Protein backbone atom coordinates (compact mmCIF):
# COMPACT_ATOMS: atom_id res chain seq x y z
CA UNK A 1 -186.20 -33.87 56.49
CA UNK A 2 -187.52 -30.73 54.91
CA UNK A 3 -188.13 -28.74 51.78
CA UNK A 4 -186.27 -25.56 50.87
CA UNK A 5 -187.48 -23.06 48.33
CA UNK A 6 -185.32 -20.39 46.71
CA UNK A 7 -186.62 -16.88 47.41
CA UNK A 8 -188.08 -15.20 44.33
CA UNK A 9 -187.31 -11.46 43.95
CA UNK A 10 -190.32 -9.20 43.73
CA UNK A 11 -190.64 -7.10 40.59
CA UNK A 12 -192.17 -3.65 40.47
CA UNK A 13 -192.16 -0.40 42.40
CA UNK A 14 -191.78 -0.48 46.15
CA UNK A 15 -194.81 0.69 48.09
CA UNK A 16 -194.66 3.06 51.01
CA UNK A 17 -195.41 1.87 54.49
CA UNK A 18 -198.51 4.04 54.59
CA UNK A 19 -201.26 2.80 52.30
CA UNK A 20 -203.05 5.64 50.43
CA UNK A 21 -206.70 6.12 51.19
CA UNK A 22 -207.66 5.47 47.59
CA UNK A 23 -206.04 2.02 47.59
CA UNK A 24 -208.49 -0.89 47.89
CA UNK A 25 -208.55 -2.39 51.36
CA UNK A 26 -207.84 -6.07 51.83
CA UNK A 27 -211.03 -8.07 52.32
CA UNK A 28 -211.60 -9.71 55.66
CA UNK A 29 -210.93 -13.38 56.12
CA UNK A 30 -213.90 -15.57 55.32
CA UNK A 31 -213.23 -17.50 58.52
CA UNK A 32 -213.50 -14.30 60.57
CA UNK A 33 -216.73 -13.31 58.83
CA UNK A 34 -218.15 -16.79 59.35
CA UNK A 35 -217.19 -16.71 63.03
CA UNK A 36 -218.98 -13.41 63.54
CA UNK A 37 -222.04 -14.62 61.68
CA UNK A 38 -222.04 -17.77 63.80
CA UNK A 39 -222.07 -15.78 67.04
CA UNK A 40 -224.93 -13.64 65.74
CA UNK A 41 -226.85 -16.68 64.50
CA UNK A 42 -226.89 -15.40 60.92
CA UNK A 43 -225.47 -18.46 59.15
CA UNK A 44 -227.76 -20.19 56.68
CA UNK A 45 -227.29 -23.42 58.59
CA UNK A 46 -228.66 -21.75 61.76
CA UNK A 47 -231.95 -20.72 60.28
CA UNK A 48 -234.59 -21.98 57.87
CA UNK A 49 -236.49 -19.22 56.13
CA UNK A 50 -239.89 -19.81 54.61
CA UNK A 51 -238.42 -19.60 51.12
CA UNK A 52 -235.65 -22.14 51.71
CA UNK A 53 -235.87 -25.48 49.95
CA UNK A 54 -236.16 -28.78 51.79
CA UNK A 55 -233.54 -31.54 51.42
CA UNK A 56 -233.90 -33.86 48.46
CA UNK A 57 -233.36 -37.04 50.51
CA UNK A 58 -237.00 -37.12 51.61
CA UNK A 59 -240.02 -34.91 52.03
CA UNK A 60 -239.58 -33.62 55.57
CA UNK A 61 -242.34 -32.57 57.91
CA UNK A 62 -242.41 -29.37 59.89
CA UNK A 63 -240.91 -31.08 62.92
CA UNK A 64 -237.96 -32.28 60.87
CA UNK A 65 -236.99 -28.72 59.97
CA UNK A 66 -235.09 -28.52 63.24
CA UNK A 67 -232.50 -30.81 61.69
CA UNK A 68 -231.32 -27.89 59.56
CA UNK A 69 -230.28 -25.94 62.63
CA UNK A 70 -227.05 -25.77 64.57
CA UNK A 71 -225.73 -29.04 65.99
CA UNK A 72 -225.86 -29.30 69.77
CA UNK A 73 -226.50 -31.80 72.52
CA UNK A 74 -230.22 -31.04 72.27
CA UNK A 75 -230.20 -31.23 68.48
CA UNK A 76 -227.57 -33.90 67.56
CA UNK A 77 -228.99 -34.51 64.09
CA UNK A 78 -228.47 -30.97 62.81
CA UNK A 79 -227.06 -31.05 59.31
CA UNK A 80 -224.35 -28.42 59.14
CA UNK A 81 -222.95 -26.66 62.18
CA UNK A 82 -221.20 -23.39 61.33
CA UNK A 83 -221.40 -23.79 57.56
CA UNK A 84 -223.65 -22.09 55.04
CA UNK A 85 -222.64 -24.30 52.10
CA UNK A 86 -225.78 -26.45 52.15
CA UNK A 87 -227.09 -26.91 48.61
CA UNK A 88 -230.31 -28.95 48.35
CA UNK A 89 -231.62 -30.57 45.16
CA UNK A 90 -228.28 -30.27 43.40
CA UNK A 91 -226.95 -32.17 40.41
CA UNK A 92 -224.96 -34.21 42.92
CA UNK A 93 -228.07 -36.14 43.98
CA UNK A 94 -229.34 -36.54 40.42
CA UNK A 95 -226.00 -37.86 39.18
CA UNK A 96 -225.52 -40.47 41.89
CA UNK A 97 -229.11 -41.63 41.66
CA UNK A 98 -228.49 -42.38 37.99
CA UNK A 99 -225.07 -43.93 38.66
CA UNK A 100 -226.67 -46.32 41.17
CA UNK A 101 -223.76 -46.34 43.62
CA UNK A 102 -226.21 -47.81 46.14
CA UNK A 103 -229.40 -49.87 45.73
CA UNK A 104 -232.53 -47.77 45.34
CA UNK A 105 -233.95 -48.81 48.70
CA UNK A 106 -230.77 -47.59 50.47
CA UNK A 107 -230.75 -44.15 48.86
CA UNK A 108 -232.57 -42.23 51.65
CA UNK A 109 -230.14 -43.53 54.30
CA UNK A 110 -227.16 -42.93 52.00
CA UNK A 111 -228.22 -39.37 51.13
CA UNK A 112 -228.96 -38.48 54.73
CA UNK A 113 -225.61 -39.82 55.97
CA UNK A 114 -223.72 -37.60 53.50
CA UNK A 115 -225.21 -34.58 55.22
CA UNK A 116 -224.29 -35.40 58.81
CA UNK A 117 -220.98 -34.54 60.52
CA UNK A 118 -218.44 -37.31 60.90
CA UNK A 119 -218.00 -39.03 64.28
CA UNK A 120 -214.67 -38.70 66.03
CA UNK A 121 -212.13 -41.40 65.19
CA UNK A 122 -208.54 -41.83 66.30
CA UNK A 123 -205.74 -44.38 66.49
CA UNK A 124 -203.00 -44.90 69.05
CA UNK A 125 -199.36 -44.47 68.10
CA UNK A 126 -196.59 -46.88 69.07
CA UNK A 127 -195.58 -44.52 71.90
CA UNK A 128 -198.93 -44.75 73.70
CA UNK A 129 -198.36 -46.38 77.10
CA UNK A 130 -200.79 -48.88 78.59
CA UNK A 131 -201.76 -46.59 81.48
CA UNK A 132 -202.64 -43.76 79.08
CA UNK A 133 -204.80 -46.10 76.98
CA UNK A 134 -206.54 -47.52 80.02
CA UNK A 135 -207.43 -44.04 81.24
CA UNK A 136 -209.60 -43.29 78.23
CA UNK A 137 -210.70 -46.82 77.35
CA UNK A 138 -212.49 -47.21 80.68
CA UNK A 139 -215.11 -44.73 79.46
CA UNK A 140 -215.02 -45.85 75.82
CA UNK A 141 -215.55 -49.51 76.74
CA UNK A 142 -218.53 -48.57 78.88
CA UNK A 143 -220.04 -46.56 76.02
CA UNK A 144 -219.50 -49.51 73.67
CA UNK A 145 -221.18 -51.90 76.13
CA UNK A 146 -224.17 -49.58 76.44
CA UNK A 147 -224.71 -49.72 72.68
CA UNK A 148 -224.35 -45.98 72.10
CA UNK A 149 -222.38 -46.49 68.87
CA UNK A 150 -218.83 -46.20 70.17
CA UNK A 151 -216.76 -49.10 68.86
CA UNK A 152 -213.20 -50.33 68.76
CA UNK A 153 -211.59 -50.29 65.31
CA UNK A 154 -210.41 -53.71 64.20
CA UNK A 155 -207.85 -52.79 61.54
CA UNK A 156 -205.83 -50.45 63.75
CA UNK A 157 -205.50 -49.81 67.46
CA UNK A 158 -208.10 -47.07 67.75
CA UNK A 159 -211.71 -46.13 68.39
CA UNK A 160 -214.72 -44.55 66.74
CA UNK A 161 -216.94 -42.48 69.01
CA UNK A 162 -220.71 -42.09 68.78
CA UNK A 163 -220.49 -38.29 68.70
CA UNK A 164 -218.95 -35.67 66.43
CA UNK A 165 -216.51 -32.94 67.41
CA UNK A 166 -219.25 -30.32 67.84
CA UNK A 167 -221.14 -32.46 70.33
CA UNK A 168 -217.96 -33.33 72.23
CA UNK A 169 -216.99 -29.65 72.39
CA UNK A 170 -220.31 -28.86 74.10
CA UNK A 171 -219.90 -31.60 76.71
CA UNK A 172 -220.92 -30.61 80.24
CA UNK A 173 -217.89 -30.14 82.52
CA UNK A 174 -217.41 -33.11 84.80
CA UNK A 175 -219.20 -35.55 82.49
CA UNK A 176 -217.66 -38.60 80.86
CA UNK A 177 -217.69 -36.83 77.50
CA UNK A 178 -215.74 -33.90 78.96
CA UNK A 179 -213.13 -36.24 80.44
CA UNK A 180 -212.74 -38.01 77.07
CA UNK A 181 -212.34 -34.64 75.36
CA UNK A 182 -209.52 -33.61 77.72
CA UNK A 183 -207.92 -37.03 77.31
CA UNK A 184 -208.00 -36.71 73.51
CA UNK A 185 -206.45 -33.25 73.67
CA UNK A 186 -203.61 -34.46 75.89
CA UNK A 187 -202.98 -37.47 73.69
CA UNK A 188 -202.92 -35.42 70.49
CA UNK A 189 -200.55 -32.79 71.90
CA UNK A 190 -198.15 -35.43 73.23
CA UNK A 191 -198.22 -37.55 70.07
CA UNK A 192 -199.78 -40.57 71.77
CA UNK A 193 -202.77 -40.68 69.45
CA UNK A 194 -203.66 -39.37 65.99
CA UNK A 195 -207.07 -38.02 65.03
CA UNK A 196 -207.67 -39.69 61.69
CA UNK A 197 -210.74 -40.72 59.72
CA UNK A 198 -211.42 -44.45 59.37
CA UNK A 199 -211.21 -44.30 55.57
CA UNK A 200 -207.81 -42.61 55.75
CA UNK A 201 -206.44 -45.49 57.83
CA UNK A 202 -207.34 -48.17 55.28
CA UNK A 203 -204.57 -47.91 52.62
CA UNK A 204 -201.71 -48.37 55.07
CA UNK A 205 -203.62 -51.02 57.03
CA UNK A 206 -204.38 -53.17 53.97
CA UNK A 207 -200.86 -53.21 52.50
CA UNK A 208 -199.25 -55.22 55.29
CA UNK A 209 -196.07 -53.14 55.48
CA UNK A 210 -193.10 -55.00 56.99
CA UNK A 211 -190.11 -53.36 58.76
CA UNK A 212 -187.71 -53.96 55.86
CA UNK A 213 -189.98 -52.69 53.07
CA UNK A 214 -189.41 -49.82 50.69
CA UNK A 215 -192.64 -47.85 50.71
CA UNK A 216 -193.76 -45.01 48.43
CA UNK A 217 -196.57 -42.61 49.28
CA UNK A 218 -197.13 -40.94 45.92
CA UNK A 219 -199.46 -38.12 47.04
CA UNK A 220 -198.64 -37.98 50.74
CA UNK A 221 -199.76 -34.60 52.11
CA UNK A 222 -201.05 -33.77 54.65
CA UNK A 223 -199.32 -36.82 56.15
CA UNK A 224 -201.67 -38.94 58.26
CA UNK A 225 -201.08 -42.00 56.08
CA UNK A 226 -197.34 -41.30 56.01
CA UNK A 227 -197.01 -41.36 59.80
CA UNK A 228 -198.97 -44.60 59.85
CA UNK A 229 -196.57 -46.16 57.32
CA UNK A 230 -193.44 -45.01 59.16
CA UNK A 231 -194.74 -46.42 62.44
CA UNK A 232 -195.16 -49.83 60.79
CA UNK A 233 -191.48 -49.89 59.80
CA UNK A 234 -190.59 -49.66 63.50
CA UNK A 235 -186.89 -49.08 62.82
CA UNK A 236 -186.43 -52.30 60.85
CA UNK A 237 -184.25 -50.85 58.10
CA UNK A 238 -187.01 -49.95 55.65
CA UNK A 239 -187.76 -46.51 54.26
CA UNK A 240 -190.84 -44.47 53.40
CA UNK A 241 -190.62 -41.98 50.51
CA UNK A 242 -193.39 -39.43 50.97
CA UNK A 243 -193.97 -37.35 47.86
CA UNK A 244 -196.22 -34.47 46.98
CA UNK A 245 -196.39 -32.20 43.95
CA UNK A 246 -197.09 -29.03 45.98
CA UNK A 247 -194.15 -27.49 47.85
CA UNK A 248 -196.55 -25.86 50.31
CA UNK A 249 -198.19 -29.20 51.06
CA UNK A 250 -194.71 -30.69 51.51
CA UNK A 251 -194.08 -28.19 54.30
CA UNK A 252 -197.34 -29.33 55.90
CA UNK A 253 -196.20 -32.93 55.49
CA UNK A 254 -192.88 -32.23 57.21
CA UNK A 255 -194.64 -30.47 60.06
CA UNK A 256 -197.07 -33.36 60.53
CA UNK A 257 -194.32 -35.99 60.57
CA UNK A 258 -192.24 -34.06 63.11
CA UNK A 259 -194.13 -35.94 65.84
CA UNK A 260 -192.44 -39.18 64.72
CA UNK A 261 -189.25 -38.28 66.59
CA UNK A 262 -186.38 -40.72 65.94
CA UNK A 263 -188.59 -42.75 63.60
CA UNK A 264 -188.37 -39.89 61.09
CA UNK A 265 -184.90 -41.23 60.18
CA UNK A 266 -186.78 -43.74 58.01
CA UNK A 267 -188.60 -40.99 56.11
CA UNK A 268 -187.68 -39.11 52.93
CA UNK A 269 -189.89 -36.23 51.74
CA UNK A 270 -189.78 -35.34 48.04
CA UNK A 271 -191.44 -32.60 45.98
CA UNK A 272 -192.09 -34.10 42.54
CA UNK A 273 -194.86 -34.80 40.04
CA UNK A 274 -196.21 -38.22 41.02
CA UNK A 275 -196.84 -39.24 37.39
CA UNK A 276 -193.12 -38.71 36.67
CA UNK A 277 -191.72 -40.22 39.86
CA UNK A 278 -188.26 -41.74 39.19
CA UNK A 279 -187.24 -45.22 40.27
CA UNK A 280 -185.24 -45.50 43.49
CA UNK A 281 -181.57 -46.55 43.45
CA UNK A 282 -180.86 -50.25 43.72
CA UNK A 283 -180.66 -51.69 47.21
CA UNK A 284 -177.17 -52.38 48.48
CA UNK A 285 -176.24 -55.96 47.79
CA UNK A 286 -177.67 -56.24 44.29
CA UNK A 287 -181.35 -55.90 45.08
CA UNK A 288 -181.88 -54.21 41.76
CA UNK A 289 -180.67 -57.20 39.77
CA UNK A 290 -177.65 -55.32 38.46
CA UNK A 291 -179.79 -52.82 36.53
CA UNK A 292 -178.91 -49.86 38.74
CA UNK A 293 -182.50 -49.39 39.89
CA UNK A 294 -185.10 -51.17 41.97
CA UNK A 295 -188.75 -50.84 42.79
CA UNK A 296 -190.93 -50.33 45.85
CA UNK A 297 -192.38 -53.17 47.89
CA UNK A 298 -195.51 -51.21 48.85
CA UNK A 299 -197.07 -48.14 47.21
CA UNK A 300 -199.89 -45.96 48.49
CA UNK A 301 -201.53 -44.30 45.48
CA UNK A 302 -204.09 -41.98 47.10
CA UNK A 303 -204.58 -39.72 44.09
CA UNK A 304 -206.07 -36.21 43.87
CA UNK A 305 -209.81 -36.46 43.34
CA UNK A 306 -213.06 -34.53 43.46
CA UNK A 307 -213.46 -35.48 47.13
CA UNK A 308 -217.23 -35.93 46.92
CA UNK A 309 -217.00 -38.67 49.53
CA UNK A 310 -215.85 -36.10 52.11
CA UNK A 311 -219.05 -34.06 52.26
CA UNK A 312 -219.46 -34.96 55.93
CA UNK A 313 -216.19 -33.20 56.70
CA UNK A 314 -216.21 -30.64 53.87
CA UNK A 315 -219.84 -29.69 53.10
CA UNK A 316 -218.65 -27.03 50.66
CA UNK A 317 -218.17 -29.90 48.19
CA UNK A 318 -221.92 -29.69 47.51
CA UNK A 319 -221.51 -26.07 46.47
CA UNK A 320 -218.66 -26.56 44.00
CA UNK A 321 -219.52 -30.03 42.68
CA UNK A 322 -220.26 -30.47 38.98
CA UNK A 323 -220.40 -33.37 36.54
CA UNK A 324 -217.27 -32.38 34.63
CA UNK A 325 -214.97 -32.45 37.69
CA UNK A 326 -214.41 -36.21 37.49
CA UNK A 327 -213.79 -36.01 33.73
CA UNK A 328 -210.99 -33.51 34.38
CA UNK A 329 -209.41 -35.54 37.19
CA UNK A 330 -209.43 -38.90 35.41
CA UNK A 331 -206.39 -38.39 33.10
CA UNK A 332 -204.08 -37.38 35.95
CA UNK A 333 -205.34 -40.18 38.17
CA UNK A 334 -204.66 -42.74 35.46
CA UNK A 335 -201.16 -41.38 34.82
CA UNK A 336 -200.29 -41.60 38.53
CA UNK A 337 -201.73 -45.11 38.85
CA UNK A 338 -199.83 -46.37 35.81
CA UNK A 339 -196.59 -44.81 37.05
CA UNK A 340 -197.15 -46.49 40.41
CA UNK A 341 -197.51 -49.87 38.68
CA UNK A 342 -194.24 -49.23 36.82
CA UNK A 343 -192.43 -48.48 40.09
CA UNK A 344 -193.74 -51.59 41.84
CA UNK A 345 -191.33 -54.40 42.66
CA UNK A 346 -192.24 -57.91 41.49
CA UNK A 347 -194.51 -59.38 44.14
CA UNK A 348 -195.23 -55.93 45.61
CA UNK A 349 -198.59 -54.37 46.41
CA UNK A 350 -200.10 -51.05 45.34
CA UNK A 351 -203.23 -49.61 46.93
CA UNK A 352 -205.12 -47.22 44.65
CA UNK A 353 -207.60 -45.13 46.62
CA UNK A 354 -209.73 -42.00 46.41
CA UNK A 355 -212.19 -40.22 48.68
CA UNK A 356 -214.64 -40.09 45.77
CA UNK A 357 -217.77 -42.08 44.97
CA UNK A 358 -217.53 -41.64 41.20
CA UNK A 359 -216.71 -44.78 39.16
CA UNK A 360 -214.94 -42.57 36.60
CA UNK A 361 -212.31 -41.80 39.25
CA UNK A 362 -212.30 -45.30 40.71
CA UNK A 363 -213.16 -48.44 38.74
CA UNK A 364 -212.49 -46.73 35.39
CA UNK A 365 -208.92 -45.91 36.46
CA UNK A 366 -208.33 -49.42 37.83
CA UNK A 367 -209.68 -51.03 34.65
CA UNK A 368 -207.53 -48.82 32.40
CA UNK A 369 -204.42 -49.53 34.49
CA UNK A 370 -205.04 -53.28 34.27
CA UNK A 371 -205.59 -52.93 30.54
CA UNK A 372 -202.29 -51.12 29.89
CA UNK A 373 -199.95 -52.53 32.57
CA UNK A 374 -198.95 -56.13 31.89
CA UNK A 375 -198.05 -58.38 34.80
CA UNK A 376 -200.43 -56.63 37.22
CA UNK A 377 -203.51 -58.29 38.70
CA UNK A 378 -206.21 -57.13 41.10
CA UNK A 379 -206.20 -58.50 44.64
CA UNK A 380 -209.42 -59.06 46.56
CA UNK A 381 -209.29 -56.31 49.19
CA UNK A 382 -212.49 -57.45 50.94
CA UNK A 383 -210.59 -60.19 52.73
CA UNK A 384 -208.26 -57.66 54.34
CA UNK A 385 -211.14 -55.59 55.77
CA UNK A 386 -213.08 -58.09 57.94
CA UNK A 387 -214.35 -55.57 60.55
CA UNK A 388 -215.78 -53.25 57.87
CA UNK A 389 -218.87 -53.72 55.72
CA UNK A 390 -217.86 -52.79 52.19
CA UNK A 391 -219.65 -52.81 48.84
CA UNK A 392 -218.21 -54.53 45.78
CA UNK A 393 -216.71 -52.52 42.95
CA UNK A 394 -218.87 -51.61 39.98
CA UNK A 395 -218.48 -53.34 36.61
CA UNK A 396 -220.95 -51.22 34.63
CA UNK A 397 -221.51 -47.45 34.58
CA UNK A 398 -222.44 -44.72 32.15
CA UNK A 399 -220.36 -41.62 31.50
CA UNK A 400 -222.52 -38.56 32.04
CA UNK A 401 -221.70 -35.93 29.46
CA UNK A 402 -224.38 -33.32 30.03
CA UNK A 403 -225.87 -31.22 32.81
CA UNK A 404 -229.22 -32.90 32.18
CA UNK A 405 -227.83 -36.16 33.54
CA UNK A 406 -227.82 -37.95 30.18
CA UNK A 407 -225.01 -40.45 29.79
CA UNK A 408 -223.37 -42.71 27.25
CA UNK A 409 -222.45 -46.31 27.85
CA UNK A 410 -219.50 -46.72 25.51
CA UNK A 411 -216.98 -44.79 23.46
CA UNK A 412 -218.74 -45.80 20.24
CA UNK A 413 -222.06 -44.50 21.52
CA UNK A 414 -220.70 -40.95 22.01
CA UNK A 415 -220.86 -38.75 18.92
CA UNK A 416 -217.93 -36.61 17.80
CA UNK A 417 -219.41 -33.38 19.11
CA UNK A 418 -219.90 -34.80 22.58
CA UNK A 419 -216.40 -36.30 22.60
CA UNK A 420 -214.83 -32.96 21.80
CA UNK A 421 -217.03 -30.81 24.03
CA UNK A 422 -216.65 -33.03 27.13
CA UNK A 423 -213.10 -34.19 26.28
CA UNK A 424 -214.11 -37.82 26.49
CA UNK A 425 -211.58 -40.61 26.14
CA UNK A 426 -211.98 -44.41 25.90
CA UNK A 427 -210.58 -45.09 29.38
CA UNK A 428 -213.59 -43.36 30.99
CA UNK A 429 -216.00 -46.09 29.97
CA UNK A 430 -216.84 -49.41 31.56
CA UNK A 431 -214.93 -52.46 30.30
CA UNK A 432 -216.42 -54.92 27.87
CA UNK A 433 -218.02 -58.11 29.16
CA UNK A 434 -214.84 -60.10 28.50
CA UNK A 435 -212.66 -57.48 30.18
CA UNK A 436 -215.00 -57.24 33.16
CA UNK A 437 -214.66 -60.98 33.75
CA UNK A 438 -210.87 -60.83 33.44
CA UNK A 439 -210.40 -57.70 35.57
CA UNK A 440 -212.75 -58.85 38.38
CA UNK A 441 -213.54 -55.30 39.47
CA UNK A 442 -215.85 -56.67 42.16
CA UNK A 443 -212.67 -57.24 44.17
CA UNK A 444 -212.45 -53.48 44.69
CA UNK A 445 -214.05 -52.20 47.89
CA UNK A 446 -216.33 -49.22 48.36
CA UNK A 447 -216.82 -47.78 51.84
CA UNK A 448 -220.26 -46.16 51.92
CA UNK A 449 -221.16 -43.53 54.55
CA UNK A 450 -224.42 -45.10 55.70
CA UNK A 451 -222.96 -48.58 56.24
CA UNK A 452 -220.87 -47.81 59.33
CA UNK A 453 -221.10 -44.06 59.88
CA UNK A 454 -217.93 -43.24 57.95
CA UNK A 455 -216.94 -41.07 54.99
CA UNK A 456 -217.18 -42.24 51.41
CA UNK A 457 -214.04 -44.01 50.18
CA UNK A 458 -212.82 -46.33 47.41
């Protein structure tokens, strides 16, 4: 499978091979500059000047200032290794304090967990032999028994380590950590295991994909979820349609799924707008009921989002985050979710997910989809996630429409000026009391970073 793009001719005058001296030089890669700064110890995360602000999570003492330094074996709690995107006392903290995504007493732990690197997590593929698993699990089982924080994942065949990638990279040669690092590298290169965040494993794990199912991954790139779905088909005659709107991301998707080998025969990669995804042709033998079209048995609807639950992996989110981001994403998310419901076969399951903490991108989209799509009901996802501690979905929230953190609770409460300036729409707001009881949004699950040392996920 692959994606082919037609070459586009370049317009304009051809340039000589020798660039004139008066032409502006191309700027250096930011990654190269950051690497050089890192070696020289000039990154903001590697120092704490007297004028720098302290984190908002709590008033830290002088001894705690070491946590702002570079992560290492001697300083495992350092906030941001090799990244100068730390932004303390931002609107991010103010907004989520007001939104009450966690109880007030849990806020310090929640805020602190958002600013720590993610631990290493991985899952085994179907090709992983027992002897290869046993080689690494001897050390992992011992770490788990010692209570270090390493644990076996219950939903998939995989593990979560008690250390992040920076700590594992600095492991002393000959130690258990060094042997696990080499084992992980060999397994990744040979396709025997996949490095994947716990939250990213959940959509495919909760849907219960069977070998004969038609499965749609509406926003599939970069492809970790897609490979997980294809492996669950196990050559049983089903098919996975992996779609993405970006042609460049489709190339990344194809490259990632190349490790599937013969299983890739069950995969189709498409480059299409998810909100306009067409229905598949009817299954041979009249599966479409004679209408010439059929639906999908399982749909993964992991929509584009602000990604503010990924700050542990992408700390630059703090730097670019603003209140209006979720308001801009909401219309597209709702369109994709509603199109997914329309493509769903009777009796099928759709998993709507984001890596965001904002109810405007999560519960608001689910409530609007339930309001407009007849014949669709919300399943209780908590029962499918027994090994994980999850929080219930929110039923009430306010839509913040100002940089001062002020919010409005309903469409009627917002004046005309605020509606126009912030491009508000009724679907952004919490449902009425009667709708909240009918929708049962508490059946949604929120994965909070401080609960089990994971990323934020809905």
